[in-house]
Amino acid sequence: EAVSRTGRSRPFHRDADGLIPAEGAGFVALARLRDAVARNMPVLGVVRGIGLSNDGRGNGLLSPAREGQERAMRLAYATAGVAPRTVSLVECHAAGTPVGDAEEVRGMARVFADGADVPIGSVKSNVGHLLASAGAGGLLKVLGAMRAGVRPATLGADEPLAELRGTPLRVLDAPEQWPPGPRRAAVSAFGFGGTNAHLVVDAWDGEEGRASAPSGTRRLPGAPVAIVAVAVRAGEGASTQDFRRALLTGRRSGPASEIGVALPGLCFPPRAVEKALPQQTLMLEVAREAARDVVLPRERTMVLIGAGVDPENSRATARWRTPFWLEQTGGPTGPEPAARVRDAFSAPMDAERVVGTLPNLLANRISTQLDLAGPGHTVSAEEASGPLALDLAARAIRASEVDAALVGAVDLSCEPVHRAALRGLGLESAAGDGAVAVVLKRLAD
């Protein structure tokens, strides 16, 4: 169980028993530093570097992997051109799960091994785990701390994990003044599916040259990008070849009545794939076909999948909110009525079903299947999701941030919730099911 049975969010506490889910959203506005200075905009912080990685096969979709987390951290400092020991506050991912917090401490102890004193903390002790917004919450905390000149305390960490002993890491159990001199902090965010991010951010002191991007950053805006593989499934078709035949014959494609999964080489239990939303399953199979005959460098391949948020996710959310809705509307209360209404929305949510509804798992499941350890993300911009993912991947290849990218897009308009929404908009005829994946590399490569 990832959720705390005691209902307490206690990152880094030796008796912590899980996370507390929370709700929220966070936003930051970004601009080039020189533009912000020229326009007299407030500069709350300067992003020095970001490291992104995936665990690949790792220990499974729900288990953190120290190797992937370390890689994200080291990439961030390599990009920033600064040493980890220059950081004077680390806002950790630490959610209060015993295994996850301990694994994060072990990874940080290696990365910050030459630091004399590394204060650490987690905003989840204050607000709980904001899930997809957790990294934004951590960044906002750091920016506020820099502005106030105070390194905030982490609540409920009076008895820290034994893994912290003998390391330079120190959980802040009381607020303290930030020492004089340049203020540099780091923010970690690690998620289900093995996605890892680490950000290095500086307080702005008015010295533009010192806080500018490292000189080693390469930009290759004109480098041609090649498509070296493609795979498609549309409607009831089961392969790219079926799609080609449909184009040649002019046959109209209907809805996908089933999604076939190739069992040889599948790294997930069939039951786990069956419980995932069809978006995930269809995209996984198309990605496997696209990657079948190409070489993808493990740590230098990005996975970007364009997809609108699956409307079927509303079933899981409705199941969770049922007791609150019944109370607010004056409906029948008690466990039995709530259970009946819950079950009308969806079946109980076990671990595999929860993972199978997470939007970013569209990309992470592919990274796990293909053992790819580069950045992996789902890009959601509704109809523009696929083209936007393609644009982001091409930029990353041109900038030499990665050497290859598996880019995909998927939509299953014939799912019941989606079809009901389309009917309400008078767009039922526009419904269709399909997924596409392409592999990109620099043309010279």
Protein backbone atom coordinates (compact mmCIF):
# COMPACT_ATOMS: atom_id res chain seq x y z
CA GLU A 1 0.00 0.00 0.00
CA ALA A 2 1.39 3.40 -0.94
CA VAL A 3 -1.20 5.39 1.05
CA SER A 4 -0.61 6.04 4.75
CA ARG A 5 -2.89 4.01 7.02
CA THR A 6 -2.33 6.48 9.86
CA GLY A 7 -3.28 9.47 7.68
CA ARG A 8 0.01 11.25 8.36
CA SER A 9 2.43 12.62 5.77
CA ARG A 10 5.89 12.16 7.33
CA PRO A 11 8.71 12.32 4.77
CA PHE A 12 12.02 10.91 6.06
CA HIS A 13 10.50 9.69 9.34
CA ARG A 14 11.61 6.22 10.36
CA ASP A 15 8.00 5.22 11.16
CA ALA A 16 6.36 6.78 8.09
CA ASP A 17 3.83 4.43 6.54
CA GLY A 18 2.91 6.00 3.22
CA LEU A 19 1.85 9.09 1.34
CA ILE A 20 -1.22 11.30 1.71
CA PRO A 21 -2.79 12.19 -1.68
CA ALA A 22 -3.51 15.89 -2.14
CA GLU A 23 -4.93 18.16 -4.79
CA GLY A 24 -3.48 21.32 -6.27
CA ALA A 25 -1.89 22.99 -9.27
CA GLY A 26 1.27 25.02 -9.73
CA PHE A 27 2.45 27.35 -12.47
CA VAL A 28 5.64 29.25 -13.21
CA ALA A 29 6.26 31.69 -16.05
CA LEU A 30 9.55 31.25 -17.89
CA ALA A 31 11.54 33.73 -19.96
CA ARG A 32 15.11 34.00 -21.21
CA LEU A 33 17.09 35.74 -18.49
CA ARG A 34 18.31 38.50 -20.79
CA ASP A 35 14.74 39.21 -21.91
CA ALA A 36 13.45 39.29 -18.34
CA VAL A 37 16.18 41.73 -17.32
CA ALA A 38 15.63 43.94 -20.39
CA ARG A 39 11.88 44.11 -19.70
CA ASN A 40 12.33 44.70 -15.97
CA MET A 41 10.37 41.56 -15.11
CA PRO A 42 10.61 40.09 -11.59
CA VAL A 43 13.18 37.26 -11.56
CA LEU A 44 12.24 34.80 -8.80
CA GLY A 45 14.93 32.30 -9.72
CA VAL A 46 17.23 31.16 -12.52
CA VAL A 47 17.04 27.59 -13.83
CA ARG A 48 20.61 26.37 -14.21
CA GLY A 49 19.97 22.84 -15.37
CA ILE A 50 17.41 20.05 -15.57
CA GLY A 51 18.13 16.32 -15.62
CA LEU A 52 15.48 13.92 -16.96
CA SER A 53 15.64 10.14 -17.03
CA ASN A 54 13.62 6.96 -16.83
CA ASP A 55 14.38 3.77 -14.92
CA GLY A 56 13.88 1.62 -18.01
CA ARG A 57 13.13 -1.94 -16.91
CA GLY A 58 14.18 -1.02 -13.36
CA ASN A 59 12.25 -2.70 -10.56
CA GLY A 60 8.79 -2.30 -12.07
CA LEU A 61 6.35 0.54 -12.63
CA LEU A 62 5.66 1.09 -8.93
CA SER A 63 9.15 0.64 -7.48
CA PRO A 64 11.75 3.43 -7.36
CA ALA A 65 15.18 2.69 -8.83
CA ARG A 66 18.20 4.45 -7.39
CA GLU A 67 20.16 4.19 -10.63
CA GLY A 68 17.58 6.17 -12.60
CA GLN A 69 17.26 8.84 -9.92
CA GLU A 70 21.04 9.25 -9.69
CA ARG A 71 21.27 9.60 -13.45
CA ALA A 72 18.72 12.44 -13.48
CA MET A 73 20.62 14.25 -10.74
CA ARG A 74 24.02 13.89 -12.41
CA LEU A 75 22.58 15.01 -15.75
CA ALA A 76 21.21 18.16 -14.11
CA TYR A 77 24.62 19.15 -12.70
CA ALA A 78 26.40 18.28 -15.94
CA THR A 79 23.94 20.49 -17.85
CA ALA A 80 24.27 23.30 -15.31
CA GLY A 81 28.05 23.10 -15.24
CA VAL A 82 28.11 23.19 -11.43
CA ALA A 83 29.01 20.67 -8.72
CA PRO A 84 26.40 19.11 -6.41
CA ARG A 85 28.36 20.38 -3.39
CA THR A 86 27.42 23.97 -4.36
CA VAL A 87 23.75 23.29 -3.52
CA SER A 88 22.64 24.59 -0.12
CA LEU A 89 19.10 23.14 -0.07
CA VAL A 90 17.56 20.07 -1.69
CA GLU A 91 13.79 19.85 -1.99
CA CYS A 92 13.37 16.09 -2.23
CA HIS A 93 10.62 14.02 -3.75
CA ALA A 94 10.26 12.18 -0.39
CA ALA A 95 6.59 11.26 -0.04
CA GLY A 96 6.69 9.34 3.23
CA THR A 97 6.81 5.85 1.75
CA PRO A 98 9.44 3.80 3.62
CA VAL A 99 10.97 2.13 0.57
CA GLY A 100 10.86 5.23 -1.64
CA ASP A 101 12.33 7.63 0.91
CA ALA A 102 15.15 5.25 1.83
CA GLU A 103 16.02 4.64 -1.82
CA GLU A 104 16.08 8.38 -2.50
CA VAL A 105 18.42 8.96 0.46
CA ARG A 106 20.81 6.28 -0.80
CA GLY A 107 20.94 7.86 -4.25
CA MET A 108 21.43 11.39 -2.90
CA ALA A 109 24.15 10.19 -0.52
CA ARG A 110 26.16 9.09 -3.57
CA VAL A 111 25.54 12.22 -5.64
CA PHE A 112 26.26 14.62 -2.73
CA ALA A 113 29.02 12.48 -1.21
CA ASP A 114 31.60 15.31 -1.21
CA GLY A 115 29.23 17.86 0.38
CA ALA A 116 29.97 19.01 3.95
CA ASP A 117 26.38 19.80 4.94
CA VAL A 118 23.38 19.28 2.66
CA PRO A 119 20.06 20.41 4.21
CA ILE A 120 17.09 18.53 2.76
CA GLY A 121 13.32 18.67 3.09
CA SER A 122 9.99 17.86 1.46
CA VAL A 123 6.94 20.07 1.04
CA LYS A 124 4.80 16.93 1.20
CA SER A 125 5.00 17.19 5.00
CA ASN A 126 2.95 20.40 4.65
CA VAL A 127 0.53 19.72 1.80
CA GLY A 128 0.67 15.99 1.10
CA HIS A 129 1.53 14.43 -2.26
CA LEU A 130 0.21 16.59 -5.10
CA LEU A 131 0.88 13.72 -7.54
CA ALA A 132 1.39 15.22 -11.02
CA SER A 133 1.74 18.68 -9.44
CA ALA A 134 4.26 17.58 -6.80
CA GLY A 135 7.33 18.89 -8.61
CA ALA A 136 5.69 22.28 -9.12
CA GLY A 137 4.89 22.44 -5.41
CA GLY A 138 8.51 21.74 -4.55
CA LEU A 139 9.76 24.42 -6.92
CA LEU A 140 7.34 27.02 -5.53
CA LYS A 141 8.53 26.21 -2.01
CA VAL A 142 12.17 26.69 -3.02
CA LEU A 143 11.49 29.99 -4.80
CA GLY A 144 9.65 31.29 -1.76
CA ALA A 145 12.43 30.12 0.56
CA MET A 146 15.05 31.91 -1.53
CA ARG A 147 13.05 35.09 -1.49
CA ALA A 148 12.59 34.94 2.30
CA GLY A 149 16.16 33.86 2.97
CA VAL A 150 14.89 31.01 5.12
CA ARG A 151 15.36 27.27 4.65
CA PRO A 152 11.99 25.80 5.74
CA ALA A 153 11.48 22.92 8.15
CA THR A 154 10.05 19.53 7.22
CA LEU A 155 7.27 18.65 9.64
CA GLY A 156 7.14 15.37 11.54
CA ALA A 157 10.77 14.40 10.88
CA ASP A 158 11.87 14.32 14.51
CA GLU A 159 13.06 10.71 14.13
CA PRO A 160 14.77 10.58 10.72
CA LEU A 161 15.54 7.48 8.69
CA ALA A 162 18.53 5.40 9.73
CA GLU A 163 19.82 5.62 6.14
CA LEU A 164 20.70 9.29 6.75
CA ARG A 165 23.39 8.41 9.29
CA GLY A 166 26.92 8.88 8.00
CA THR A 167 25.81 10.99 5.03
CA PRO A 168 26.10 14.77 4.53
CA LEU A 169 22.31 14.92 4.26
CA ARG A 170 20.46 16.67 7.10
CA VAL A 171 16.67 16.90 7.39
CA LEU A 172 15.64 20.40 8.43
CA ASP A 173 13.46 19.90 11.51
CA ALA A 174 13.34 23.65 12.21
CA PRO A 175 13.49 26.69 9.93
CA GLU A 176 16.89 28.37 9.69
CA GLN A 177 18.34 31.43 8.02
CA TRP A 178 19.94 30.81 4.65
CA PRO A 179 23.68 31.45 5.06
CA PRO A 180 25.14 34.53 3.35
CA GLY A 181 26.36 34.17 -0.21
CA PRO A 182 24.85 32.75 -3.42
CA ARG A 183 21.73 30.65 -2.88
CA ARG A 184 21.44 27.52 -4.96
CA ALA A 185 18.81 24.83 -4.52
CA ALA A 186 17.70 21.62 -6.18
CA VAL A 187 14.26 20.08 -6.65
CA SER A 188 13.62 16.38 -7.27
CA ALA A 189 10.45 14.81 -8.64
CA PHE A 190 10.22 11.05 -9.18
CA GLY A 191 7.05 9.37 -10.40
CA PHE A 192 5.32 6.06 -11.03
CA GLY A 193 6.58 4.40 -14.16
CA GLY A 194 10.18 5.31 -13.37
CA THR A 195 10.15 8.91 -14.57
CA ASN A 196 12.77 11.07 -12.82
CA ALA A 197 13.48 14.81 -12.83
CA HIS A 198 16.02 16.96 -10.97
CA LEU A 199 16.23 20.74 -11.31
CA VAL A 200 19.01 23.11 -10.24
CA VAL A 201 17.85 26.68 -9.55
CA ASP A 202 19.73 29.78 -8.39
CA ALA A 203 18.50 32.85 -6.57
CA TRP A 204 18.84 35.91 -8.80
CA ASP A 205 21.45 38.36 -7.57
CA GLY A 206 21.59 40.66 -10.61
CA GLU A 207 24.78 39.19 -12.07
CA GLU A 208 23.57 38.07 -15.48
CA GLY A 209 26.85 36.57 -16.65
CA ARG A 210 27.27 34.22 -13.69
CA ALA A 211 23.75 32.84 -13.96
CA SER A 212 23.65 32.38 -17.74
CA ALA A 213 23.43 29.00 -19.43
CA PRO A 214 26.63 26.90 -19.43
CA SER A 215 28.87 27.47 -22.45
CA GLY A 216 28.86 23.77 -23.33
CA THR A 217 25.18 23.77 -24.34
CA ARG A 218 24.92 22.98 -28.05
CA ARG A 219 22.17 24.19 -30.36
CA LEU A 220 21.76 22.69 -33.82
CA PRO A 221 18.66 24.40 -35.24
CA GLY A 222 19.37 23.34 -38.80
CA ALA A 223 20.31 19.68 -38.32
CA PRO A 224 17.95 17.54 -40.44
CA VAL A 225 15.94 14.95 -38.52
CA ALA A 226 15.08 11.64 -40.17
CA ILE A 227 12.13 9.32 -39.61
CA VAL A 228 13.70 5.86 -39.55
CA ALA A 229 10.69 3.73 -38.55
CA VAL A 230 6.92 4.04 -38.48
CA ALA A 231 4.05 1.90 -37.20
CA VAL A 232 0.29 2.46 -37.30
CA ARG A 233 -2.83 0.79 -36.02
CA ALA A 234 -6.19 2.23 -37.04
CA GLY A 235 -9.68 1.02 -36.22
CA GLU A 236 -10.03 -2.74 -36.29
CA GLY A 237 -6.65 -3.13 -38.01
CA ALA A 238 -4.02 -5.17 -36.16
CA SER A 239 -0.85 -3.92 -37.86
CA THR A 240 0.74 -1.29 -40.09
CA GLN A 241 0.14 -3.63 -43.02
CA ASP A 242 -3.59 -3.62 -42.31
CA PHE A 243 -3.52 0.19 -42.36
CA ARG A 244 -1.75 0.17 -45.75
CA ARG A 245 -4.36 -2.20 -47.17
CA ALA A 246 -7.16 0.05 -45.93
CA LEU A 247 -5.56 3.04 -47.66
CA LEU A 248 -5.11 1.15 -50.93
CA THR A 249 -8.66 -0.20 -50.99
CA GLY A 250 -10.31 2.96 -49.67
CA ARG A 251 -11.99 0.96 -46.91
CA ARG A 252 -13.39 3.03 -44.07
CA SER A 253 -11.96 2.04 -40.70
CA GLY A 254 -14.36 1.23 -37.87
CA PRO A 255 -13.84 1.23 -34.12
CA ALA A 256 -11.30 -1.05 -32.46
CA SER A 257 -13.35 -3.93 -31.08
CA GLU A 258 -10.28 -5.47 -29.44
CA ILE A 259 -6.56 -4.78 -29.06
CA GLY A 260 -4.28 -7.74 -29.61
CA VAL A 261 -1.12 -7.94 -27.51
CA ALA A 262 1.94 -9.94 -28.58
CA LEU A 263 2.89 -12.08 -25.57
CA PRO A 264 6.44 -13.03 -26.68
CA GLY A 265 8.82 -10.54 -25.11
CA LEU A 266 6.10 -8.75 -23.13
CA CYS A 267 7.62 -7.60 -19.81
CA PHE A 268 4.27 -7.08 -18.06
CA PRO A 269 1.91 -9.75 -16.76
CA PRO A 270 -0.98 -10.08 -19.23
CA ARG A 271 -3.43 -9.24 -16.43
CA ALA A 272 -1.64 -5.91 -15.87
CA VAL A 273 -1.99 -4.98 -19.54
CA GLU A 274 -5.63 -6.07 -19.56
CA LYS A 275 -6.38 -3.70 -16.65
CA ALA A 276 -4.72 -0.71 -18.31
CA LEU A 277 -6.84 1.76 -20.25
CA PRO A 278 -6.93 0.79 -23.95
CA GLN A 279 -4.96 3.96 -24.80
CA GLN A 280 -1.95 2.49 -23.00
CA THR A 281 -2.30 -0.96 -24.52
CA LEU A 282 -2.73 0.23 -28.11
CA MET A 283 0.16 2.70 -27.85
CA LEU A 284 2.41 0.05 -26.32
CA GLU A 285 1.85 -2.37 -29.17
CA VAL A 286 2.40 0.28 -31.86
CA ALA A 287 5.63 1.38 -30.16
CA ARG A 288 6.87 -2.20 -29.99
CA GLU A 289 6.29 -2.56 -33.73
CA ALA A 290 8.03 0.74 -34.55
CA ALA A 291 11.09 -0.14 -32.47
CA ARG A 292 11.38 -3.71 -33.70
CA ASP A 293 14.06 -3.20 -36.35
CA VAL A 294 15.94 -0.12 -35.12
CA VAL A 295 18.73 0.35 -32.60
CA LEU A 296 17.79 2.70 -29.76
CA PRO A 297 20.59 3.82 -27.40
CA ARG A 298 19.30 3.07 -23.88
CA GLU A 299 20.22 6.31 -22.10
CA ARG A 300 20.00 8.61 -25.13
CA THR A 301 16.51 7.80 -26.42
CA MET A 302 13.51 9.95 -25.54
CA VAL A 303 9.91 8.70 -25.51
CA LEU A 304 7.23 11.32 -26.14
CA ILE A 305 3.60 10.28 -26.57
CA GLY A 306 0.92 12.77 -27.62
CA ALA A 307 -2.53 12.09 -26.19
CA GLY A 308 -5.46 13.93 -24.73
CA VAL A 309 -6.38 12.80 -21.24
CA ASP A 310 -8.51 9.68 -21.65
CA PRO A 311 -12.14 10.49 -20.73
CA GLU A 312 -12.42 6.98 -19.26
CA ASN A 313 -10.30 8.31 -16.39
CA SER A 314 -13.43 10.07 -15.17
CA ARG A 315 -14.74 6.70 -13.99
CA ALA A 316 -11.92 6.26 -11.47
CA THR A 317 -12.27 9.84 -10.27
CA ALA A 318 -16.03 9.46 -9.88
CA ARG A 319 -15.58 6.28 -7.85
CA TRP A 320 -13.24 8.11 -5.47
CA ARG A 321 -15.52 11.15 -5.08
CA THR A 322 -18.79 9.24 -4.64
CA PRO A 323 -19.12 9.62 -0.82
CA PHE A 324 -18.52 13.36 -1.07
CA TRP A 325 -21.08 13.74 -3.86
CA LEU A 326 -23.72 11.77 -1.97
CA GLU A 327 -23.18 13.92 1.10
CA GLN A 328 -23.31 17.18 -0.86
CA THR A 329 -26.47 16.25 -2.76
CA GLY A 330 -28.33 14.86 0.23
CA GLY A 331 -28.37 11.38 -1.24
CA PRO A 332 -28.30 8.12 0.73
CA THR A 333 -25.28 7.85 2.99
CA GLY A 334 -23.46 4.91 4.50
CA PRO A 335 -21.12 2.26 3.11
CA GLU A 336 -23.70 0.22 1.18
CA PRO A 337 -25.21 3.03 -0.96
CA ALA A 338 -21.73 4.45 -1.58
CA ALA A 339 -20.47 1.03 -2.67
CA ARG A 340 -23.35 0.58 -5.13
CA VAL A 341 -22.78 3.97 -6.72
CA ARG A 342 -19.02 3.44 -6.82
CA ASP A 343 -19.37 0.10 -8.58
CA ALA A 344 -21.71 1.69 -11.13
CA PHE A 345 -18.83 3.92 -12.23
CA SER A 346 -16.01 1.35 -12.22
CA ALA A 347 -14.68 -1.78 -10.58
CA PRO A 348 -12.51 -1.46 -7.46
CA MET A 349 -9.13 0.10 -8.14
CA ASP A 350 -6.30 -2.31 -7.38
CA ALA A 351 -2.65 -1.38 -8.00
CA GLU A 352 -2.58 -2.50 -11.64
CA ARG A 353 -5.78 -0.61 -12.42
CA VAL A 354 -4.46 2.57 -10.78
CA VAL A 355 -1.26 2.41 -12.82
CA GLY A 356 -3.31 1.63 -15.90
CA THR A 357 -5.17 4.95 -15.61
CA LEU A 358 -2.19 7.29 -15.04
CA PRO A 359 -1.76 9.52 -18.13
CA ASN A 360 2.06 9.56 -18.08
CA LEU A 361 2.17 5.76 -18.10
CA LEU A 362 1.45 5.99 -21.83
CA ALA A 363 5.14 6.86 -22.22
CA ASN A 364 6.56 5.13 -19.14
CA ARG A 365 5.12 1.73 -20.04
CA ILE A 366 6.95 1.95 -23.37
CA SER A 367 10.22 2.94 -21.67
CA THR A 368 9.87 -0.05 -19.36
CA GLN A 369 9.02 -2.48 -22.17
CA LEU A 370 11.91 -1.34 -24.38
CA ASP A 371 14.30 -0.68 -21.44
CA LEU A 372 14.84 2.95 -22.48
CA ALA A 373 16.37 5.18 -19.80
CA GLY A 374 16.11 8.61 -21.46
CA PRO A 375 13.34 11.12 -20.72
CA GLY A 376 9.81 9.80 -21.16
CA HIS A 377 6.67 11.95 -21.08
CA THR A 378 3.10 12.19 -22.26
CA VAL A 379 2.28 15.44 -24.05
CA SER A 380 -1.35 16.53 -23.71
CA ALA A 381 -2.63 19.27 -26.01
CA GLU A 382 -5.79 17.61 -27.31
CA GLU A 383 -5.78 17.54 -31.14
CA ALA A 384 -2.30 19.11 -31.23
CA SER A 385 -0.82 16.49 -28.89
CA GLY A 386 0.89 14.41 -31.58
CA PRO A 387 2.40 17.29 -33.60
CA LEU A 388 3.57 18.97 -30.40
CA ALA A 389 5.29 15.77 -29.22
CA LEU A 390 6.95 15.50 -32.63
CA ASP A 391 8.17 19.10 -32.46
CA LEU A 392 9.58 18.68 -28.95
CA ALA A 393 11.40 15.49 -29.93
CA ALA A 394 12.91 17.06 -33.05
CA ARG A 395 14.15 20.02 -30.99
CA ALA A 396 15.77 17.69 -28.47
CA ILE A 397 17.54 15.76 -31.24
CA ARG A 398 18.77 18.93 -32.95
CA ALA A 399 20.09 20.23 -29.61
CA SER A 400 21.92 16.90 -29.03
CA GLU A 401 19.98 16.39 -25.81
CA VAL A 402 19.15 12.90 -27.11
CA ASP A 403 20.27 10.78 -30.07
CA ALA A 404 16.92 9.17 -30.87
CA ALA A 405 13.26 9.64 -30.06
CA LEU A 406 10.26 7.37 -30.17
CA VAL A 407 7.29 9.66 -30.77
CA GLY A 408 3.70 8.52 -30.75
CA ALA A 409 0.11 9.69 -30.73
CA VAL A 410 -3.03 7.79 -29.73
CA ASP A 411 -6.76 8.37 -29.46
CA LEU A 412 -9.63 5.99 -28.86
CA SER A 413 -12.70 8.06 -29.64
CA CYS A 414 -14.95 5.03 -29.56
CA GLU A 415 -14.65 4.47 -25.80
CA PRO A 416 -18.10 4.92 -24.16
CA VAL A 417 -17.39 8.12 -22.22
CA HIS A 418 -15.71 9.70 -25.23
CA ARG A 419 -18.58 8.77 -27.54
CA ALA A 420 -21.13 10.23 -25.13
CA ALA A 421 -19.19 13.50 -25.09
CA LEU A 422 -19.01 13.55 -28.89
CA ARG A 423 -22.74 12.97 -29.16
CA GLY A 424 -23.31 15.95 -26.90
CA LEU A 425 -21.25 18.06 -29.31
CA GLY A 426 -22.93 16.65 -32.40
CA LEU A 427 -19.62 15.06 -33.51
CA GLU A 428 -20.35 11.36 -33.34
CA SER A 429 -19.35 10.86 -36.98
CA ALA A 430 -15.86 12.12 -36.19
CA ALA A 431 -15.10 9.25 -33.82
CA GLY A 432 -12.22 6.95 -34.67
CA ASP A 433 -9.57 4.79 -33.02
CA GLY A 434 -5.89 4.83 -33.88
CA ALA A 435 -2.28 5.11 -32.81
CA VAL A 436 0.93 5.92 -34.65
CA ALA A 437 4.59 5.77 -33.63
CA VAL A 438 7.68 7.04 -35.44
CA VAL A 439 11.37 6.79 -34.56
CA LEU A 440 13.50 9.88 -35.15
CA LYS A 441 17.27 10.22 -35.46
CA ARG A 442 19.60 12.87 -36.81
CA LEU A 443 19.92 12.37 -40.56
CA ALA A 444 23.72 12.29 -40.29
CA ASP A 445 23.48 9.44 -37.76
